[in-house]
């Protein structure tokens, strides 16, 4: 039996921190399992957890302890986030997606503004605006990224920081938000990478920049028609976060 019935994806599901569940609309019941069932859930950051679908006629939802821990880490209090529920294969496994990389999994899907992540081991302070449209972030988030990834620029072909003692390498590296904070980007690990000061300034100051592709392992950025490929490991960052 499949989780979704006659639908490749459901767009109306919500991650909600207050309720700690993936919530569906009652009108979507015909596309959902006929009974309460366990289901494997692949989260937007690639992590796999066990969920439990409850077929409540007025409030169908997916819950479960592992899913709740992830929601409380990824979503700020009382802020619903739209996700897409997609079928994986023909079984009870499903995948959750947001608009990572600017692509929606279903035609005609509306843009979704990603919310700031809430990490249990650090508290991300409010952004403090600088003069040249960059943003200063909580130093704890920077240390978390440097701990998870080697202190080296993640642009393919750039050796900035390589071979240097960590205290020196860290002084020439910046934590970059792939989707700019000034444009609504969040502190979610899916939105971070390490850049040297030169590449960071290049990305922020050119007339034309867009994110062409974004995954947990690679980001492709088009800068004035040229392409920068950024390799990073989101899973290594998540492994350091208590959920």
C-alpha atoms as a PDB file:
ATOM      1  CA  UNK A   1       0.000   0.000   0.000  1.00  0.00           C
ATOM      2  CA  UNK A   2       1.244   3.514  -0.801  1.00  0.00           C
ATOM      3  CA  UNK A   3       1.084   6.475   1.542  1.00  0.00           C
ATOM      4  CA  UNK A   4      -0.377   8.863  -1.037  1.00  0.00           C
ATOM      5  CA  UNK A   5      -3.434   7.805  -3.018  1.00  0.00           C
ATOM      6  CA  UNK A   6      -3.673   9.210  -6.539  1.00  0.00           C
ATOM      7  CA  UNK A   7      -1.411  12.210  -5.821  1.00  0.00           C
ATOM      8  CA  UNK A   8       2.348  12.577  -6.503  1.00  0.00           C
ATOM      9  CA  UNK A   9       2.648  15.212  -3.765  1.00  0.00           C
ATOM     10  CA  UNK A  10       0.502  17.137  -1.284  1.00  0.00           C
ATOM     11  CA  UNK A  11       1.262  20.833  -0.985  1.00  0.00           C
ATOM     12  CA  UNK A  12      -0.971  21.888   1.890  1.00  0.00           C
ATOM     13  CA  UNK A  13       0.917  20.132   4.674  1.00  0.00           C
ATOM     14  CA  UNK A  14       2.337  22.332   7.457  1.00  0.00           C
ATOM     15  CA  UNK A  15       5.183  21.912   9.869  1.00  0.00           C
ATOM     16  CA  UNK A  16       3.968  23.628  13.014  1.00  0.00           C
ATOM     17  CA  UNK A  17       6.141  23.981  16.109  1.00  0.00           C
ATOM     18  CA  UNK A  18       3.276  24.605  18.506  1.00  0.00           C
ATOM     19  CA  UNK A  19       1.439  21.450  17.475  1.00  0.00           C
ATOM     20  CA  UNK A  20       4.668  19.598  16.569  1.00  0.00           C
ATOM     21  CA  UNK A  21       3.202  17.752  13.626  1.00  0.00           C
ATOM     22  CA  UNK A  22       2.873  17.620   9.851  1.00  0.00           C
ATOM     23  CA  UNK A  23      -0.701  18.796   9.457  1.00  0.00           C
ATOM     24  CA  UNK A  24      -2.948  18.070   6.463  1.00  0.00           C
ATOM     25  CA  UNK A  25      -6.247  19.617   5.444  1.00  0.00           C
ATOM     26  CA  UNK A  26      -9.395  17.491   5.943  1.00  0.00           C
ATOM     27  CA  UNK A  27     -10.057  17.861   2.196  1.00  0.00           C
ATOM     28  CA  UNK A  28      -6.881  15.854   1.558  1.00  0.00           C
ATOM     29  CA  UNK A  29      -8.147  12.729   3.343  1.00  0.00           C
ATOM     30  CA  UNK A  30      -8.992  10.948   0.040  1.00  0.00           C
ATOM     31  CA  UNK A  31      -5.261  11.107  -0.851  1.00  0.00           C
ATOM     32  CA  UNK A  32      -4.087   9.799   2.536  1.00  0.00           C
ATOM     33  CA  UNK A  33      -3.945   6.277   4.033  1.00  0.00           C
ATOM     34  CA  UNK A  34      -7.337   4.773   4.970  1.00  0.00           C
ATOM     35  CA  UNK A  35      -6.135   3.880   8.494  1.00  0.00           C
ATOM     36  CA  UNK A  36      -3.568   5.034  11.075  1.00  0.00           C
ATOM     37  CA  UNK A  37      -0.159   3.729   9.983  1.00  0.00           C
ATOM     38  CA  UNK A  38       3.560   4.050  10.717  1.00  0.00           C
ATOM     39  CA  UNK A  39       5.574   5.685   7.949  1.00  0.00           C
ATOM     40  CA  UNK A  40       9.240   6.379   7.219  1.00  0.00           C
ATOM     41  CA  UNK A  41       9.840  10.125   6.732  1.00  0.00           C
ATOM     42  CA  UNK A  42      12.843  11.610   4.913  1.00  0.00           C
ATOM     43  CA  UNK A  43      13.194  15.182   6.177  1.00  0.00           C
ATOM     44  CA  UNK A  44      14.252  18.235   4.168  1.00  0.00           C
ATOM     45  CA  UNK A  45      17.808  17.968   5.551  1.00  0.00           C
ATOM     46  CA  UNK A  46      18.109  14.299   4.465  1.00  0.00           C
ATOM     47  CA  UNK A  47      17.603  12.808   7.924  1.00  0.00           C
ATOM     48  CA  UNK A  48      15.283   9.767   8.134  1.00  0.00           C
ATOM     49  CA  UNK A  49      12.879   9.379  11.058  1.00  0.00           C
ATOM     50  CA  UNK A  50       9.874   7.251  11.953  1.00  0.00           C
ATOM     51  CA  UNK A  51       6.502   8.974  11.896  1.00  0.00           C
ATOM     52  CA  UNK A  52       2.945   7.920  12.710  1.00  0.00           C
ATOM     53  CA  UNK A  53       0.051   9.037  10.504  1.00  0.00           C
ATOM     54  CA  UNK A  54      -3.241   9.633  12.341  1.00  0.00           C
ATOM     55  CA  UNK A  55      -6.397   9.692  10.224  1.00  0.00           C
ATOM     56  CA  UNK A  56      -8.420  12.159  12.262  1.00  0.00           C
ATOM     57  CA  UNK A  57     -11.375  13.382  10.137  1.00  0.00           C
ATOM     58  CA  UNK A  58     -10.961  17.021  11.209  1.00  0.00           C
ATOM     59  CA  UNK A  59      -7.187  17.066  11.714  1.00  0.00           C
ATOM     60  CA  UNK A  60      -5.202  14.429   9.796  1.00  0.00           C
ATOM     61  CA  UNK A  61      -1.528  14.636  10.700  1.00  0.00           C
ATOM     62  CA  UNK A  62       1.831  12.863  10.986  1.00  0.00           C
ATOM     63  CA  UNK A  63       3.365  12.870  14.467  1.00  0.00           C
ATOM     64  CA  UNK A  64       5.879  10.810  16.406  1.00  0.00           C
ATOM     65  CA  UNK A  65       8.691  11.526  18.884  1.00  0.00           C
ATOM     66  CA  UNK A  66      11.507  11.612  16.288  1.00  0.00           C
ATOM     67  CA  UNK A  67       9.550  13.934  14.016  1.00  0.00           C
ATOM     68  CA  UNK A  68       8.676  16.254  16.919  1.00  0.00           C
ATOM     69  CA  UNK A  69      12.364  16.571  17.911  1.00  0.00           C
ATOM     70  CA  UNK A  70      13.241  17.606  14.351  1.00  0.00           C
ATOM     71  CA  UNK A  71      10.393  20.133  14.133  1.00  0.00           C
ATOM     72  CA  UNK A  72      11.411  21.785  17.414  1.00  0.00           C
ATOM     73  CA  UNK A  73      14.948  22.155  16.041  1.00  0.00           C
ATOM     74  CA  UNK A  74      14.053  23.437  12.575  1.00  0.00           C
ATOM     75  CA  UNK A  75      11.038  25.673  13.140  1.00  0.00           C
ATOM     76  CA  UNK A  76      10.723  28.676  15.423  1.00  0.00           C
ATOM     77  CA  UNK A  77       7.922  28.719  17.972  1.00  0.00           C
ATOM     78  CA  UNK A  78       4.428  29.260  16.563  1.00  0.00           C
ATOM     79  CA  UNK A  79       5.624  29.733  12.945  1.00  0.00           C
ATOM     80  CA  UNK A  80       4.034  27.355  10.421  1.00  0.00           C
ATOM     81  CA  UNK A  81       6.187  26.347   7.440  1.00  0.00           C
ATOM     82  CA  UNK A  82       4.760  24.887   4.249  1.00  0.00           C
ATOM     83  CA  UNK A  83       6.300  21.591   3.196  1.00  0.00           C
ATOM     84  CA  UNK A  84       5.583  19.195   0.343  1.00  0.00           C
ATOM     85  CA  UNK A  85       4.843  15.552   1.099  1.00  0.00           C
ATOM     86  CA  UNK A  86       5.986  13.255  -1.715  1.00  0.00           C
ATOM     87  CA  UNK A  87       5.762   9.510  -2.163  1.00  0.00           C
ATOM     88  CA  UNK A  88       9.010   7.483  -2.250  1.00  0.00           C
ATOM     89  CA  UNK A  89       8.489   4.277  -4.211  1.00  0.00           C
ATOM     90  CA  UNK A  90       5.267   2.356  -3.639  1.00  0.00           C
ATOM     91  CA  UNK A  91       5.449   1.813   0.121  1.00  0.00           C
ATOM     92  CA  UNK A  92       4.746   3.888   3.212  1.00  0.00           C
ATOM     93  CA  UNK A  93       7.919   5.976   2.854  1.00  0.00           C
ATOM     94  CA  UNK A  94       7.484   9.690   2.180  1.00  0.00           C
ATOM     95  CA  UNK A  95       9.730  12.715   1.719  1.00  0.00           C
ATOM     96  CA  UNK A  96       9.289  16.267   3.000  1.00  0.00           C
ATOM     97  CA  UNK A  97      10.514  19.182   0.910  1.00  0.00           C
ATOM     98  CA  UNK A  98      10.509  22.964   1.032  1.00  0.00           C
ATOM     99  CA  UNK A  99      11.568  25.236  -1.846  1.00  0.00           C
ATOM    100  CA  UNK A 100      15.257  24.337  -1.460  1.00  0.00           C
ATOM    101  CA  UNK A 101      17.179  25.601  -4.475  1.00  0.00           C
ATOM    102  CA  UNK A 102      14.184  27.609  -5.654  1.00  0.00           C
ATOM    103  CA  UNK A 103      12.444  24.597  -7.205  1.00  0.00           C
ATOM    104  CA  UNK A 104       9.013  23.412  -6.132  1.00  0.00           C
ATOM    105  CA  UNK A 105       8.226  19.699  -6.479  1.00  0.00           C
ATOM    106  CA  UNK A 106       4.792  20.373  -7.947  1.00  0.00           C
ATOM    107  CA  UNK A 107       3.849  22.612 -10.902  1.00  0.00           C
ATOM    108  CA  UNK A 108       2.365  25.946  -9.950  1.00  0.00           C
ATOM    109  CA  UNK A 109       3.533  25.831  -6.337  1.00  0.00           C
ATOM    110  CA  UNK A 110       3.772  29.229  -4.695  1.00  0.00           C
ATOM    111  CA  UNK A 111       7.003  30.601  -3.261  1.00  0.00           C
ATOM    112  CA  UNK A 112       7.664  29.660   0.360  1.00  0.00           C
ATOM    113  CA  UNK A 113       9.688  31.890   2.675  1.00  0.00           C
ATOM    114  CA  UNK A 114      12.015  29.694   4.717  1.00  0.00           C
ATOM    115  CA  UNK A 115      11.944  30.281   8.453  1.00  0.00           C
ATOM    116  CA  UNK A 116      14.892  30.667  10.794  1.00  0.00           C
ATOM    117  CA  UNK A 117      16.055  27.469  12.439  1.00  0.00           C
ATOM    118  CA  UNK A 118      15.959  27.123  16.208  1.00  0.00           C
ATOM    119  CA  UNK A 119      19.023  25.203  17.426  1.00  0.00           C
ATOM    120  CA  UNK A 120      19.006  23.710  20.901  1.00  0.00           C
ATOM    121  CA  UNK A 121      22.734  24.118  21.588  1.00  0.00           C
ATOM    122  CA  UNK A 122      23.063  27.715  20.404  1.00  0.00           C
ATOM    123  CA  UNK A 123      20.843  30.748  20.402  1.00  0.00           C
ATOM    124  CA  UNK A 124      20.977  32.704  17.177  1.00  0.00           C
ATOM    125  CA  UNK A 125      20.890  36.384  18.049  1.00  0.00           C
ATOM    126  CA  UNK A 126      18.964  38.940  16.042  1.00  0.00           C
ATOM    127  CA  UNK A 127      20.879  40.185  13.016  1.00  0.00           C
ATOM    128  CA  UNK A 128      22.710  43.495  13.355  1.00  0.00           C
ATOM    129  CA  UNK A 129      22.830  45.418  10.118  1.00  0.00           C
ATOM    130  CA  UNK A 130      26.161  46.665   8.802  1.00  0.00           C
ATOM    131  CA  UNK A 131      26.709  49.418   6.286  1.00  0.00           C
ATOM    132  CA  UNK A 132      27.458  47.447   3.101  1.00  0.00           C
ATOM    133  CA  UNK A 133      24.380  45.170   3.199  1.00  0.00           C
ATOM    134  CA  UNK A 134      26.089  42.289   4.968  1.00  0.00           C
ATOM    135  CA  UNK A 135      24.964  40.846   8.267  1.00  0.00           C
ATOM    136  CA  UNK A 136      26.776  40.010  11.481  1.00  0.00           C
ATOM    137  CA  UNK A 137      25.510  36.756  12.997  1.00  0.00           C
ATOM    138  CA  UNK A 138      25.803  35.105  16.401  1.00  0.00           C
ATOM    139  CA  UNK A 139      29.427  33.921  16.852  1.00  0.00           C
ATOM    140  CA  UNK A 140      28.157  30.592  18.265  1.00  0.00           C
ATOM    141  CA  UNK A 141      26.700  29.723  14.854  1.00  0.00           C
ATOM    142  CA  UNK A 142      30.044  30.507  13.208  1.00  0.00           C
ATOM    143  CA  UNK A 143      31.896  28.231  15.647  1.00  0.00           C
ATOM    144  CA  UNK A 144      29.415  25.430  14.998  1.00  0.00           C
ATOM    145  CA  UNK A 145      30.060  25.628  11.241  1.00  0.00           C
ATOM    146  CA  UNK A 146      33.851  25.765  11.677  1.00  0.00           C
ATOM    147  CA  UNK A 147      33.683  22.739  13.981  1.00  0.00           C
ATOM    148  CA  UNK A 148      31.618  20.720  11.512  1.00  0.00           C
ATOM    149  CA  UNK A 149      33.595  21.623   8.368  1.00  0.00           C
ATOM    150  CA  UNK A 150      37.332  22.013   7.848  1.00  0.00           C
ATOM    151  CA  UNK A 151      38.358  25.692   7.969  1.00  0.00           C
ATOM    152  CA  UNK A 152      38.759  26.033   4.214  1.00  0.00           C
ATOM    153  CA  UNK A 153      36.833  27.893   1.524  1.00  0.00           C
ATOM    154  CA  UNK A 154      34.264  25.476   0.077  1.00  0.00           C
ATOM    155  CA  UNK A 155      34.370  26.900  -3.440  1.00  0.00           C
ATOM    156  CA  UNK A 156      35.735  24.166  -5.704  1.00  0.00           C
ATOM    157  CA  UNK A 157      39.283  25.077  -6.724  1.00  0.00           C
ATOM    158  CA  UNK A 158      39.885  27.567  -3.894  1.00  0.00           C
ATOM    159  CA  UNK A 159      42.576  26.604  -1.379  1.00  0.00           C
ATOM    160  CA  UNK A 160      42.092  29.521   1.018  1.00  0.00           C
ATOM    161  CA  UNK A 161      42.622  28.214   4.545  1.00  0.00           C
ATOM    162  CA  UNK A 162      44.046  24.848   3.467  1.00  0.00           C
ATOM    163  CA  UNK A 163      47.186  23.858   5.373  1.00  0.00           C
ATOM    164  CA  UNK A 164      47.042  26.850   7.707  1.00  0.00           C
ATOM    165  CA  UNK A 165      46.754  26.506  11.494  1.00  0.00           C
ATOM    166  CA  UNK A 166      43.039  26.715  12.402  1.00  0.00           C
ATOM    167  CA  UNK A 167      43.324  30.035  14.311  1.00  0.00           C
ATOM    168  CA  UNK A 168      44.798  31.662  11.185  1.00  0.00           C
ATOM    169  CA  UNK A 169      42.531  29.915   8.648  1.00  0.00           C
ATOM    170  CA  UNK A 170      39.416  30.886  10.575  1.00  0.00           C
ATOM    171  CA  UNK A 171      40.306  34.583  10.342  1.00  0.00           C
ATOM    172  CA  UNK A 172      40.026  34.541   6.540  1.00  0.00           C
ATOM    173  CA  UNK A 173      36.784  32.541   6.352  1.00  0.00           C
ATOM    174  CA  UNK A 174      33.177  33.713   6.561  1.00  0.00           C
ATOM    175  CA  UNK A 175      29.929  31.822   7.141  1.00  0.00           C
ATOM    176  CA  UNK A 176      27.812  32.672   4.096  1.00  0.00           C
ATOM    177  CA  UNK A 177      24.018  32.479   3.865  1.00  0.00           C
ATOM    178  CA  UNK A 178      23.192  31.026   0.440  1.00  0.00           C
ATOM    179  CA  UNK A 179      19.810  32.723   0.504  1.00  0.00           C
ATOM    180  CA  UNK A 180      20.725  36.185   1.822  1.00  0.00           C
ATOM    181  CA  UNK A 181      19.453  37.073   5.296  1.00  0.00           C
ATOM    182  CA  UNK A 182      18.420  40.446   3.885  1.00  0.00           C
ATOM    183  CA  UNK A 183      16.144  38.564   1.464  1.00  0.00           C
ATOM    184  CA  UNK A 184      14.552  36.341   4.116  1.00  0.00           C
ATOM    185  CA  UNK A 185      17.183  33.569   4.299  1.00  0.00           C
ATOM    186  CA  UNK A 186      17.452  31.624   7.553  1.00  0.00           C
ATOM    187  CA  UNK A 187      20.141  30.177   9.811  1.00  0.00           C
ATOM    188  CA  UNK A 188      19.096  26.652   8.883  1.00  0.00           C
ATOM    189  CA  UNK A 189      22.113  24.396   8.122  1.00  0.00           C
ATOM    190  CA  UNK A 190      20.605  23.919   4.660  1.00  0.00           C
ATOM    191  CA  UNK A 191      21.318  27.617   4.036  1.00  0.00           C
ATOM    192  CA  UNK A 192      24.983  27.861   5.159  1.00  0.00           C
ATOM    193  CA  UNK A 193      28.438  27.400   3.643  1.00  0.00           C
ATOM    194  CA  UNK A 194      32.028  28.546   4.300  1.00  0.00           C
ATOM    195  CA  UNK A 195      33.630  31.085   1.945  1.00  0.00           C
ATOM    196  CA  UNK A 196      36.934  32.913   1.995  1.00  0.00           C
ATOM    197  CA  UNK A 197      36.690  36.689   2.356  1.00  0.00           C
ATOM    198  CA  UNK A 198      37.326  37.196  -1.373  1.00  0.00           C
ATOM    199  CA  UNK A 199      34.613  34.823  -2.600  1.00  0.00           C
ATOM    200  CA  UNK A 200      32.211  36.149   0.043  1.00  0.00           C
ATOM    201  CA  UNK A 201      32.719  39.728  -1.150  1.00  0.00           C
ATOM    202  CA  UNK A 202      32.367  38.594  -4.784  1.00  0.00           C
ATOM    203  CA  UNK A 203      28.994  36.938  -4.185  1.00  0.00           C
ATOM    204  CA  UNK A 204      27.587  39.951  -2.321  1.00  0.00           C
ATOM    205  CA  UNK A 205      28.886  42.782  -4.484  1.00  0.00           C
ATOM    206  CA  UNK A 206      28.383  41.692  -8.101  1.00  0.00           C
ATOM    207  CA  UNK A 207      25.426  43.113 -10.077  1.00  0.00           C
ATOM    208  CA  UNK A 208      24.030  39.676 -10.939  1.00  0.00           C
ATOM    209  CA  UNK A 209      23.878  36.642  -8.615  1.00  0.00           C
ATOM    210  CA  UNK A 210      21.470  33.735  -8.348  1.00  0.00           C
ATOM    211  CA  UNK A 211      21.429  30.277  -6.754  1.00  0.00           C
ATOM    212  CA  UNK A 212      21.091  27.795  -9.633  1.00  0.00           C
ATOM    213  CA  UNK A 213      21.040  24.599  -7.531  1.00  0.00           C
ATOM    214  CA  UNK A 214      21.151  23.804  -3.819  1.00  0.00           C
ATOM    215  CA  UNK A 215      21.442  20.444  -2.062  1.00  0.00           C
ATOM    216  CA  UNK A 216      22.896  19.126   1.198  1.00  0.00           C
ATOM    217  CA  UNK A 217      26.247  18.476  -0.518  1.00  0.00           C
ATOM    218  CA  UNK A 218      26.602  21.056  -3.308  1.00  0.00           C
ATOM    219  CA  UNK A 219      25.496  24.573  -4.206  1.00  0.00           C
ATOM    220  CA  UNK A 220      25.799  26.147  -7.669  1.00  0.00           C
ATOM    221  CA  UNK A 221      25.828  29.949  -7.791  1.00  0.00           C
ATOM    222  CA  UNK A 222      25.810  31.965 -11.000  1.00  0.00           C
ATOM    223  CA  UNK A 223      27.836  35.171 -10.590  1.00  0.00           C
ATOM    224  CA  UNK A 224      27.600  37.536 -13.589  1.00  0.00           C
ATOM    225  CA  UNK A 225      27.103  34.508 -15.847  1.00  0.00           C
ATOM    226  CA  UNK A 226      30.037  32.528 -14.373  1.00  0.00           C
ATOM    227  CA  UNK A 227      29.405  29.573 -12.076  1.00  0.00           C
ATOM    228  CA  UNK A 228      30.784  28.929  -8.590  1.00  0.00           C
ATOM    229  CA  UNK A 229      30.419  25.383  -7.242  1.00  0.00           C
ATOM    230  CA  UNK A 230      30.367  25.116  -3.449  1.00  0.00           C
ATOM    231  CA  UNK A 231      30.830  21.734  -1.783  1.00  0.00           C
ATOM    232  CA  UNK A 232      29.584  21.343   1.788  1.00  0.00           C
ATOM    233  CA  UNK A 233      28.273  18.645   4.123  1.00  0.00           C
ATOM    234  CA  UNK A 234      25.026  19.587   5.858  1.00  0.00           C
ATOM    235  CA  UNK A 235      24.827  16.179   7.573  1.00  0.00           C
ATOM    236  CA  UNK A 236      28.097  16.860   9.431  1.00  0.00           C
ATOM    237  CA  UNK A 237      26.628  20.099  10.758  1.00  0.00           C
ATOM    238  CA  UNK A 238      23.374  18.489  11.895  1.00  0.00           C
ATOM    239  CA  UNK A 239      25.345  15.770  13.729  1.00  0.00           C
ATOM    240  CA  UNK A 240      26.631  18.421  16.174  1.00  0.00           C
ATOM    241  CA  UNK A 241      23.154  19.744  17.012  1.00  0.00           C
ATOM    242  CA  UNK A 242      21.251  18.272  19.933  1.00  0.00           C
ATOM    243  CA  UNK A 243      17.678  17.523  18.922  1.00  0.00           C
END
